[in-house]
Amino acid sequence: MSQQHEINVRELLDSRSVSTYQKLVIFLCFLIVVMDGFDVVIMGFVGPSLKEAWQLSNNDLAPVLSAALFGLTFGALAAGPLGDRFGRRKILIASVLTFGTFTLLVAFASQIWHMIAFRFIAGFAMGGIMPMVATLAKEYSPERRSALLVTIVFAGFTVGAAGGGFLAAWMIPQFGWPSVFYFGGIIPILLSIFMVFKLPESLAFMVHKGGDRTQIRKIVEWCAPGSTTEHSTFTIPAAVTVKNTGENPIKTVLSTHYRGGTLLLWAIYFSHLFLVYLLGSWMPTMIKESGMTAAQASIISAMFQLGGPLGSIMLGWFMDRFEPHRVLALSYLSGAVVLVFMSSLGPEYMLLCLTSFYIGAAFNGGGTGMNALSSNFFPLSARATGNSWMHGIGRTGAILSAFAGAWMLNAGWNFSTVATALTVPALIIAACLTAKYFLYRNKAEASV
């Protein structure tokens, strides 16, 4: 009788270097996030041309610009429980296909309400992208490098957002505003088809759900060639048992063990998105009104976005080597200090560019690091829900930031006053990270 060969897939991935196949999964996740970043901001680039072509007022344009944001909020809340029930792969493919389809339909819209509906549905689908990608990337990464690989994936968002600006600047004068939606729709549709053939389900999820052993073995061999035999069986580490939750991911996320960390993560991500969206949306206006030219204000604001990818990768590297909560807390604290310093520089153009780049690295990079922190906190059975609800609750901070920024400027606040006020959410984030660290430092976590 042949002897069974038991393989713990989590320990196997942790014991080896990142294989070519795992790099392919990470690269696919990166491409998904690039297109997500492009499509999230696409309306902002098209807005001025659409306004002129359709003779729209600012009030007409506002719901078109905000429809995707509302969709993102609801989509994130819905996607997590579905991902924990049906799998990360299925929800990701469906999300990418759906947001590609409805982004493409915007190019054919003939009435403003069509555009609002299409953007809301596209946003709803996009709401599941980032939390699901964070979950899948985490589950294919060795534990010692998971923060770095997750943050590399999420650096793709800024790449897509920034690339969208350059692409729109070239395409709209040449081919008109609908061309941007053709590109933003067709590429995700093609990507979703490629994902059907190349994107695997999470190994840990398949083992947890008792998936087909032959399929599990095939993926394990792709990740670690020669590690299995035809008699191999597959397991994952036993997770922390949470009473009275069963397989319900929502009950797990809100259980006594995880509730404190869940609420702190919500507060952190709400404050983070409030902070970065307010800066990203209103910084050009505030800097221009402080005495700089429009071109200078645009460059200074662009430096804020460009700091994100470098900050993401640097913080991910540090999070794998030092205590992650401390790394992120220091990032937000230093960003707050530099933000106040930046607001006192006056017309020092080069220094404004440098300080803007730093706060972009500290704040945008910190938000990316939060996805790695969240993925490492929640257990396998509720990881997609934990990630997506953090995103969903956080999106309300992004929505409120638009109104808060307008109120601050209408109240006559200058850049210095706004910058000082924005140290408050940065300090709240640092305090919540510190509280979460002390709350869970002596508790077993259920990361698989």
Protein backbone atom coordinates (compact mmCIF):
# COMPACT_ATOMS: atom_id res chain seq x y z
CA MET A 1 0.00 0.00 0.00
CA SER A 2 1.42 3.41 -0.97
CA GLN A 3 2.17 5.81 1.86
CA GLN A 4 0.47 9.19 1.72
CA HIS A 5 2.67 12.27 1.52
CA GLU A 6 1.10 15.17 3.43
CA ILE A 7 2.08 18.69 2.32
CA ASN A 8 1.23 21.86 4.21
CA VAL A 9 0.91 24.29 1.28
CA ARG A 10 1.46 27.37 3.45
CA GLU A 11 4.69 25.98 4.90
CA LEU A 12 5.81 24.87 1.43
CA LEU A 13 5.40 28.37 -0.04
CA ASP A 14 7.10 29.91 3.00
CA SER A 15 10.09 27.59 2.75
CA ARG A 16 10.99 28.39 -0.85
CA SER A 17 11.96 31.39 -2.92
CA VAL A 18 9.31 32.97 -5.13
CA SER A 19 8.86 30.75 -8.19
CA THR A 20 8.33 31.90 -11.77
CA TYR A 21 4.69 30.86 -11.51
CA GLN A 22 4.14 32.89 -8.33
CA LYS A 23 5.76 35.87 -10.05
CA LEU A 24 3.26 35.44 -12.90
CA VAL A 25 0.38 35.55 -10.40
CA ILE A 26 1.83 38.68 -8.78
CA PHE A 27 2.35 40.28 -12.20
CA LEU A 28 -1.25 39.52 -13.21
CA CYS A 29 -2.44 41.09 -9.96
CA PHE A 30 -0.27 44.14 -10.74
CA LEU A 31 -1.82 44.49 -14.23
CA ILE A 32 -5.32 44.23 -12.75
CA VAL A 33 -4.55 47.05 -10.30
CA VAL A 34 -2.99 49.18 -13.10
CA MET A 35 -6.24 49.02 -15.07
CA ASP A 36 -8.24 49.58 -11.89
CA GLY A 37 -6.22 52.74 -11.21
CA PHE A 38 -6.73 53.92 -14.79
CA ASP A 39 -10.49 53.37 -14.72
CA VAL A 40 -11.05 54.86 -11.25
CA VAL A 41 -9.61 58.25 -12.32
CA ILE A 42 -10.62 58.16 -15.99
CA MET A 43 -13.62 60.45 -15.52
CA GLY A 44 -11.51 63.22 -14.04
CA PHE A 45 -9.36 63.36 -17.17
CA VAL A 46 -12.34 63.26 -19.54
CA GLY A 47 -14.52 65.65 -17.50
CA PRO A 48 -13.37 68.98 -19.04
CA SER A 49 -13.76 67.68 -22.62
CA LEU A 50 -17.12 66.09 -21.87
CA LYS A 51 -18.31 69.30 -20.22
CA GLU A 52 -17.45 71.27 -23.34
CA ALA A 53 -18.80 68.70 -25.82
CA TRP A 54 -22.15 68.26 -24.07
CA GLN A 55 -22.44 71.84 -22.75
CA LEU A 56 -22.68 70.64 -19.15
CA SER A 57 -22.61 72.75 -15.99
CA ASN A 58 -20.51 71.85 -12.96
CA ASN A 59 -23.70 70.64 -11.25
CA ASP A 60 -24.41 68.36 -14.22
CA LEU A 61 -20.90 66.93 -14.16
CA ALA A 62 -20.68 66.35 -10.39
CA PRO A 63 -22.84 63.16 -10.25
CA VAL A 64 -20.94 61.69 -13.22
CA LEU A 65 -17.63 62.27 -11.42
CA SER A 66 -18.88 60.86 -8.10
CA ALA A 67 -20.94 57.89 -9.41
CA ALA A 68 -17.95 55.53 -9.52
CA LEU A 69 -16.90 56.51 -5.97
CA PHE A 70 -20.31 55.52 -4.61
CA GLY A 71 -20.18 52.31 -6.62
CA LEU A 72 -16.72 51.52 -5.22
CA THR A 73 -18.05 51.81 -1.68
CA PHE A 74 -20.97 49.40 -2.15
CA GLY A 75 -18.96 47.08 -4.38
CA ALA A 76 -16.24 46.64 -1.79
CA LEU A 77 -18.76 45.75 0.91
CA ALA A 78 -20.43 43.16 -1.34
CA ALA A 79 -17.33 41.55 -2.87
CA GLY A 80 -15.64 40.31 0.30
CA PRO A 81 -18.25 37.81 1.53
CA LEU A 82 -18.65 36.57 -2.07
CA GLY A 83 -14.88 36.09 -2.38
CA ASP A 84 -14.75 34.13 0.87
CA ARG A 85 -17.61 31.91 -0.29
CA PHE A 86 -16.98 31.38 -4.02
CA GLY A 87 -13.27 32.08 -4.32
CA ARG A 88 -10.97 35.00 -5.05
CA ARG A 89 -10.45 34.03 -8.72
CA LYS A 90 -14.13 33.98 -9.75
CA ILE A 91 -14.91 37.33 -8.14
CA LEU A 92 -11.78 38.94 -9.63
CA ILE A 93 -12.54 37.74 -13.16
CA ALA A 94 -16.20 38.79 -12.90
CA SER A 95 -15.19 42.20 -11.50
CA VAL A 96 -12.62 42.92 -14.22
CA LEU A 97 -15.00 41.80 -17.00
CA THR A 98 -17.88 43.86 -15.59
CA PHE A 99 -15.97 47.10 -15.04
CA GLY A 100 -14.40 46.76 -18.50
CA THR A 101 -17.80 46.24 -20.13
CA PHE A 102 -19.49 49.18 -18.43
CA THR A 103 -16.50 51.45 -18.96
CA LEU A 104 -16.74 50.65 -22.68
CA LEU A 105 -20.48 51.40 -22.63
CA VAL A 106 -19.75 54.94 -21.38
CA ALA A 107 -18.25 55.68 -24.83
CA PHE A 108 -21.69 54.98 -26.35
CA ALA A 109 -23.74 56.94 -23.78
CA SER A 110 -26.06 59.53 -25.29
CA GLN A 111 -27.62 60.90 -22.12
CA ILE A 112 -26.14 62.01 -18.83
CA TRP A 113 -28.14 59.51 -16.77
CA HIS A 114 -26.78 56.66 -18.91
CA MET A 115 -23.28 57.77 -18.05
CA ILE A 116 -24.09 58.00 -14.33
CA ALA A 117 -25.57 54.48 -14.33
CA PHE A 118 -22.65 52.99 -16.29
CA ARG A 119 -20.07 54.65 -14.04
CA PHE A 120 -21.86 53.47 -10.89
CA ILE A 121 -21.96 49.85 -12.12
CA ALA A 122 -18.32 50.03 -13.25
CA GLY A 123 -17.42 51.45 -9.83
CA PHE A 124 -19.38 48.71 -8.08
CA ALA A 125 -17.36 46.09 -9.96
CA MET A 126 -14.09 47.93 -9.27
CA GLY A 127 -14.92 47.92 -5.56
CA GLY A 128 -14.01 44.23 -5.40
CA ILE A 129 -10.71 44.54 -7.26
CA MET A 130 -8.26 45.89 -4.68
CA PRO A 131 -9.35 43.83 -1.64
CA MET A 132 -9.53 40.64 -3.73
CA VAL A 133 -6.12 41.29 -5.31
CA ALA A 134 -4.61 41.95 -1.87
CA THR A 135 -6.03 38.64 -0.65
CA LEU A 136 -4.80 36.60 -3.63
CA ALA A 137 -1.33 38.23 -3.68
CA LYS A 138 -0.94 37.57 0.04
CA GLU A 139 -1.92 33.92 -0.35
CA TYR A 140 0.65 33.31 -3.10
CA SER A 141 3.49 35.13 -1.31
CA PRO A 142 6.00 33.64 1.16
CA GLU A 143 5.27 35.08 4.60
CA ARG A 144 8.69 36.74 4.83
CA ARG A 145 8.07 38.71 1.62
CA SER A 146 4.29 39.12 1.66
CA ALA A 147 4.26 42.82 2.59
CA LEU A 148 6.74 43.72 -0.16
CA LEU A 149 4.91 41.74 -2.86
CA VAL A 150 1.47 43.09 -1.87
CA THR A 151 2.77 46.67 -1.90
CA ILE A 152 4.42 46.14 -5.30
CA VAL A 153 1.05 44.99 -6.63
CA PHE A 154 -0.69 48.05 -5.22
CA ALA A 155 1.91 50.42 -6.64
CA GLY A 156 0.19 49.57 -9.91
CA PHE A 157 -2.76 51.78 -8.94
CA THR A 158 -0.67 54.94 -9.11
CA VAL A 159 0.98 53.71 -12.31
CA GLY A 160 -2.47 53.32 -13.89
CA ALA A 161 -3.76 56.63 -12.54
CA ALA A 162 -0.70 58.61 -13.66
CA GLY A 163 -0.49 56.76 -16.98
CA GLY A 164 -4.14 57.55 -17.59
CA GLY A 165 -3.39 61.26 -17.39
CA PHE A 166 -0.67 61.07 -20.03
CA LEU A 167 -2.72 58.76 -22.27
CA ALA A 168 -5.82 60.96 -22.02
CA ALA A 169 -3.75 64.06 -22.84
CA TRP A 170 -2.68 62.37 -26.09
CA MET A 171 -5.88 60.52 -27.05
CA ILE A 172 -8.56 63.16 -26.45
CA PRO A 173 -7.15 65.78 -28.89
CA GLN A 174 -6.46 63.06 -31.48
CA PHE A 175 -9.56 60.85 -31.23
CA GLY A 176 -12.04 62.56 -28.90
CA TRP A 177 -13.11 61.80 -25.33
CA PRO A 178 -14.87 58.45 -26.14
CA SER A 179 -11.51 56.97 -27.19
CA VAL A 180 -10.33 56.95 -23.57
CA PHE A 181 -13.31 54.78 -22.63
CA TYR A 182 -12.66 52.45 -25.57
CA PHE A 183 -9.17 51.87 -24.21
CA GLY A 184 -10.32 51.70 -20.57
CA GLY A 185 -12.99 49.13 -21.46
CA ILE A 186 -11.41 46.90 -24.10
CA ILE A 187 -8.13 46.28 -22.24
CA PRO A 188 -9.84 44.99 -19.03
CA ILE A 189 -12.16 42.79 -21.12
CA LEU A 190 -9.14 41.22 -22.85
CA LEU A 191 -7.37 40.93 -19.50
CA SER A 192 -10.35 39.10 -17.97
CA ILE A 193 -10.24 36.56 -20.82
CA PHE A 194 -6.53 36.03 -20.21
CA MET A 195 -7.24 35.62 -16.49
CA VAL A 196 -9.68 32.77 -17.21
CA PHE A 197 -6.77 30.73 -18.57
CA LYS A 198 -3.85 31.96 -16.46
CA LEU A 199 -5.07 33.20 -13.07
CA PRO A 200 -5.32 30.39 -10.49
CA GLU A 201 -7.49 30.18 -7.42
CA SER A 202 -5.74 30.65 -4.08
CA LEU A 203 -4.07 27.39 -3.05
CA ALA A 204 -4.92 27.89 0.61
CA PHE A 205 -8.56 28.64 -0.27
CA MET A 206 -8.81 25.48 -2.40
CA VAL A 207 -7.40 23.33 0.39
CA HIS A 208 -9.63 25.03 2.96
CA LYS A 209 -12.73 24.35 0.84
CA GLY A 210 -11.72 20.74 0.05
CA GLY A 211 -11.07 21.44 -3.64
CA ASP A 212 -10.05 18.91 -6.27
CA ARG A 213 -6.77 17.26 -5.19
CA THR A 214 -5.53 16.85 -8.76
CA GLN A 215 -5.98 20.56 -9.48
CA ILE A 216 -4.33 21.49 -6.17
CA ARG A 217 -1.39 19.24 -6.95
CA LYS A 218 -1.02 20.79 -10.41
CA ILE A 219 -0.77 24.32 -8.94
CA VAL A 220 1.59 23.17 -6.17
CA GLU A 221 3.87 21.68 -8.83
CA TRP A 222 3.82 24.95 -10.76
CA CYS A 223 4.85 26.78 -7.59
CA ALA A 224 7.31 24.13 -6.33
CA PRO A 225 8.31 21.67 -9.07
CA GLY A 226 9.06 18.15 -7.86
CA SER A 227 7.56 18.66 -4.40
CA THR A 228 4.59 16.28 -4.78
CA THR A 229 3.80 12.69 -5.66
CA GLU A 230 0.60 11.10 -6.91
CA HIS A 231 -0.14 10.12 -3.30
CA SER A 232 0.29 13.64 -1.87
CA THR A 233 -2.42 15.13 0.29
CA PHE A 234 -2.62 18.82 1.10
CA THR A 235 -3.30 20.75 4.30
CA ILE A 236 -3.07 24.28 5.68
CA PRO A 237 -2.18 25.39 9.23
CA ALA A 238 -4.98 25.30 11.76
CA ALA A 239 -6.39 28.80 12.21
CA VAL A 240 -7.34 30.44 15.48
CA THR A 241 -10.78 29.12 16.38
CA VAL A 242 -13.40 31.82 16.81
CA LYS A 243 -16.48 30.56 18.66
CA ASN A 244 -19.96 30.74 17.19
CA THR A 245 -18.90 32.02 13.76
CA GLY A 246 -18.75 28.83 11.71
CA GLU A 247 -17.86 29.63 8.10
CA ASN A 248 -19.61 33.03 8.19
CA PRO A 249 -16.90 35.59 7.29
CA ILE A 250 -18.93 38.57 8.50
CA LYS A 251 -19.36 36.97 11.95
CA THR A 252 -15.63 36.22 12.03
CA VAL A 253 -14.60 39.78 11.15
CA LEU A 254 -16.94 41.15 13.83
CA SER A 255 -16.22 38.43 16.42
CA THR A 256 -14.83 39.21 19.86
CA HIS A 257 -11.32 38.23 18.77
CA TYR A 258 -11.20 40.38 15.62
CA ARG A 259 -13.67 43.19 16.39
CA GLY A 260 -11.18 45.58 17.98
CA GLY A 261 -8.71 45.24 15.11
CA THR A 262 -11.50 45.47 12.53
CA LEU A 263 -12.80 48.77 13.94
CA LEU A 264 -9.29 50.19 14.17
CA LEU A 265 -8.58 49.21 10.54
CA TRP A 266 -11.81 50.92 9.48
CA ALA A 267 -10.85 54.10 11.34
CA ILE A 268 -7.34 53.99 9.84
CA TYR A 269 -8.46 53.50 6.24
CA PHE A 270 -11.27 56.06 6.54
CA SER A 271 -8.76 58.63 7.82
CA HIS A 272 -6.20 57.61 5.19
CA LEU A 273 -8.55 58.04 2.21
CA PHE A 274 -9.94 61.28 3.65
CA LEU A 275 -6.37 62.60 3.90
CA VAL A 276 -5.00 61.52 0.51
CA TYR A 277 -8.14 62.29 -1.52
CA LEU A 278 -8.43 65.76 -0.02
CA LEU A 279 -4.77 66.46 -0.77
CA GLY A 280 -4.95 64.90 -4.23
CA SER A 281 -8.13 66.77 -5.18
CA TRP A 282 -7.50 70.20 -3.69
CA MET A 283 -3.71 70.59 -3.57
CA PRO A 284 -3.45 72.11 -7.08
CA THR A 285 -6.05 74.75 -6.23
CA MET A 286 -4.58 75.55 -2.82
CA ILE A 287 -1.00 75.84 -4.08
CA LYS A 288 -2.06 78.02 -7.02
CA GLU A 289 -3.96 80.32 -4.69
CA SER A 290 -0.87 80.57 -2.46
CA GLY A 291 1.00 82.36 -5.28
CA MET A 292 2.33 79.69 -7.65
CA THR A 293 1.44 79.46 -11.36
CA ALA A 294 -1.05 76.86 -12.58
CA ALA A 295 1.74 74.87 -14.24
CA GLN A 296 3.85 74.88 -11.06
CA ALA A 297 0.86 73.84 -8.96
CA SER A 298 0.20 70.91 -11.34
CA ILE A 299 3.82 69.71 -11.16
CA ILE A 300 3.94 69.98 -7.36
CA SER A 301 0.68 68.02 -7.11
CA ALA A 302 1.94 65.41 -9.58
CA MET A 303 4.97 64.85 -7.33
CA PHE A 304 2.54 63.86 -4.57
CA GLN A 305 1.19 61.06 -6.79
CA LEU A 306 4.63 60.02 -8.06
CA GLY A 307 5.87 59.47 -4.51
CA GLY A 308 3.32 56.69 -4.03
CA PRO A 309 4.98 53.78 -5.88
CA LEU A 310 8.40 54.35 -4.30
CA GLY A 311 6.85 54.76 -0.86
CA SER A 312 4.79 51.59 -1.33
CA ILE A 313 7.78 49.44 -2.21
CA MET A 314 10.05 50.94 0.46
CA LEU A 315 7.44 50.53 3.20
CA GLY A 316 6.68 46.97 2.08
CA TRP A 317 10.39 46.14 2.33
CA PHE A 318 10.58 47.63 5.83
CA MET A 319 7.35 45.92 6.95
CA ASP A 320 8.86 42.51 6.14
CA ARG A 321 11.90 43.29 8.30
CA PHE A 322 10.53 45.34 11.19
CA GLU A 323 7.29 45.51 13.17
CA PRO A 324 4.72 46.60 10.51
CA HIS A 325 2.54 48.77 12.78
CA ARG A 326 5.55 50.81 13.87
CA VAL A 327 6.77 51.21 10.29
CA LEU A 328 3.40 52.56 9.12
CA ALA A 329 2.89 54.75 12.19
CA LEU A 330 6.30 56.38 11.66
CA SER A 331 5.47 56.90 7.99
CA TYR A 332 2.30 58.85 8.78
CA LEU A 333 3.95 60.82 11.61
CA SER A 334 6.87 61.87 9.42
CA GLY A 335 4.47 62.73 6.60
CA ALA A 336 2.50 65.00 8.94
CA VAL A 337 5.68 66.82 10.03
CA VAL A 338 6.83 67.31 6.41
CA LEU A 339 3.33 68.47 5.38
CA VAL A 340 3.42 71.26 7.98
CA PHE A 341 6.97 72.18 6.87
CA MET A 342 5.81 72.21 3.22
CA SER A 343 2.99 74.63 4.02
CA SER A 344 5.47 77.18 5.36
CA LEU A 345 7.83 77.18 2.35
CA GLY A 346 6.14 79.95 0.40
CA PRO A 347 7.30 80.20 -3.25
CA GLU A 348 10.24 77.76 -2.90
CA TYR A 349 9.34 75.69 -5.98
CA MET A 350 12.01 72.96 -5.78
CA LEU A 351 11.51 72.42 -2.05
CA LEU A 352 7.76 72.23 -2.59
CA CYS A 353 8.31 69.52 -5.21
CA LEU A 354 10.59 67.52 -2.90
CA THR A 355 8.32 67.79 0.13
CA SER A 356 5.26 66.92 -1.98
CA PHE A 357 7.07 63.81 -3.23
CA TYR A 358 7.89 62.82 0.36
CA ILE A 359 4.35 63.19 1.71
CA GLY A 360 3.12 61.21 -1.32
CA ALA A 361 5.54 58.42 -0.44
CA ALA A 362 4.57 58.54 3.25
CA PHE A 363 0.79 58.77 2.86
CA ASN A 364 0.08 56.94 -0.43
CA GLY A 365 2.71 54.34 0.42
CA GLY A 366 1.20 53.97 3.88
CA GLY A 367 -2.22 53.24 2.40
CA THR A 368 -0.70 50.51 0.25
CA GLY A 369 0.99 49.07 3.33
CA MET A 370 -2.40 48.94 5.04
CA ASN A 371 -3.52 46.32 2.50
CA ALA A 372 -0.61 44.10 3.50
CA LEU A 373 -1.33 44.70 7.20
CA SER A 374 -5.01 43.83 6.77
CA SER A 375 -4.25 40.72 4.70
CA ASN A 376 -1.93 39.44 7.43
CA PHE A 377 -4.47 40.14 10.17
CA PHE A 378 -7.62 38.35 9.02
CA PRO A 379 -7.89 34.53 8.77
CA LEU A 380 -8.16 32.70 5.46
CA SER A 381 -11.90 32.08 5.84
CA ALA A 382 -12.67 35.80 6.24
CA ARG A 383 -9.68 37.55 4.62
CA ALA A 384 -11.52 38.80 1.54
CA THR A 385 -14.35 40.14 3.71
CA GLY A 386 -11.95 41.81 6.14
CA ASN A 387 -10.03 43.47 3.30
CA SER A 388 -13.07 44.54 1.32
CA TRP A 389 -14.98 45.96 4.28
CA MET A 390 -11.92 48.01 5.24
CA HIS A 391 -11.99 49.40 1.69
CA GLY A 392 -15.75 49.95 1.70
CA ILE A 393 -15.82 51.83 5.00
CA GLY A 394 -12.70 53.73 3.96
CA ARG A 395 -14.33 54.93 0.74
CA THR A 396 -16.76 57.03 2.76
CA GLY A 397 -13.71 59.03 3.86
CA ALA A 398 -12.87 59.69 0.21
CA ILE A 399 -16.42 60.86 -0.50
CA LEU A 400 -16.50 63.16 2.54
CA SER A 401 -13.12 64.65 1.64
CA ALA A 402 -14.60 66.33 -1.45
CA PHE A 403 -17.14 68.19 0.68
CA ALA A 404 -14.62 68.94 3.44
CA GLY A 405 -12.11 70.40 0.96
CA ALA A 406 -14.76 72.65 -0.57
CA TRP A 407 -15.87 73.80 2.89
CA MET A 408 -12.29 74.63 3.92
CA LEU A 409 -11.67 76.71 0.81
CA ASN A 410 -15.05 78.45 1.03
CA ALA A 411 -14.21 79.31 4.65
CA GLY A 412 -11.09 81.10 3.43
CA TRP A 413 -8.53 78.61 4.72
CA ASN A 414 -5.12 78.89 3.05
CA PHE A 415 -2.75 76.00 2.33
CA SER A 416 -0.97 76.39 5.66
CA THR A 417 -4.23 76.14 7.63
CA VAL A 418 -5.46 73.15 5.63
CA ALA A 419 -2.11 71.36 5.99
CA THR A 420 -2.16 71.87 9.75
CA ALA A 421 -5.72 70.52 9.93
CA LEU A 422 -4.74 67.45 7.91
CA THR A 423 -2.18 66.46 10.52
CA VAL A 424 -5.21 65.39 12.60
CA PRO A 425 -6.17 62.36 10.43
CA ALA A 426 -2.46 61.47 10.10
CA LEU A 427 -2.11 61.49 13.91
CA ILE A 428 -5.35 59.49 14.27
CA ILE A 429 -3.91 56.85 11.93
CA ALA A 430 -0.65 56.64 13.90
CA ALA A 431 -2.60 56.37 17.18
CA CYS A 432 -4.88 53.62 15.83
CA LEU A 433 -1.91 51.66 14.48
CA THR A 434 -0.26 51.87 17.88
CA ALA A 435 -3.47 50.78 19.61
CA LYS A 436 -3.87 47.79 17.28
CA TYR A 437 -0.27 46.74 17.91
CA PHE A 438 -0.69 46.75 21.70
CA LEU A 439 -4.13 45.11 21.47
CA TYR A 440 -2.87 42.12 19.46
CA ARG A 441 0.81 41.77 20.28
CA ASN A 442 0.13 38.97 22.77
CA LYS A 443 -2.79 37.41 20.86
CA ALA A 444 -2.51 34.64 18.29
CA GLU A 445 -3.45 35.78 14.80
CA ALA A 446 -5.03 33.47 12.26
CA SER A 447 -3.06 34.38 9.15
CA VAL A 448 -2.67 31.48 6.69
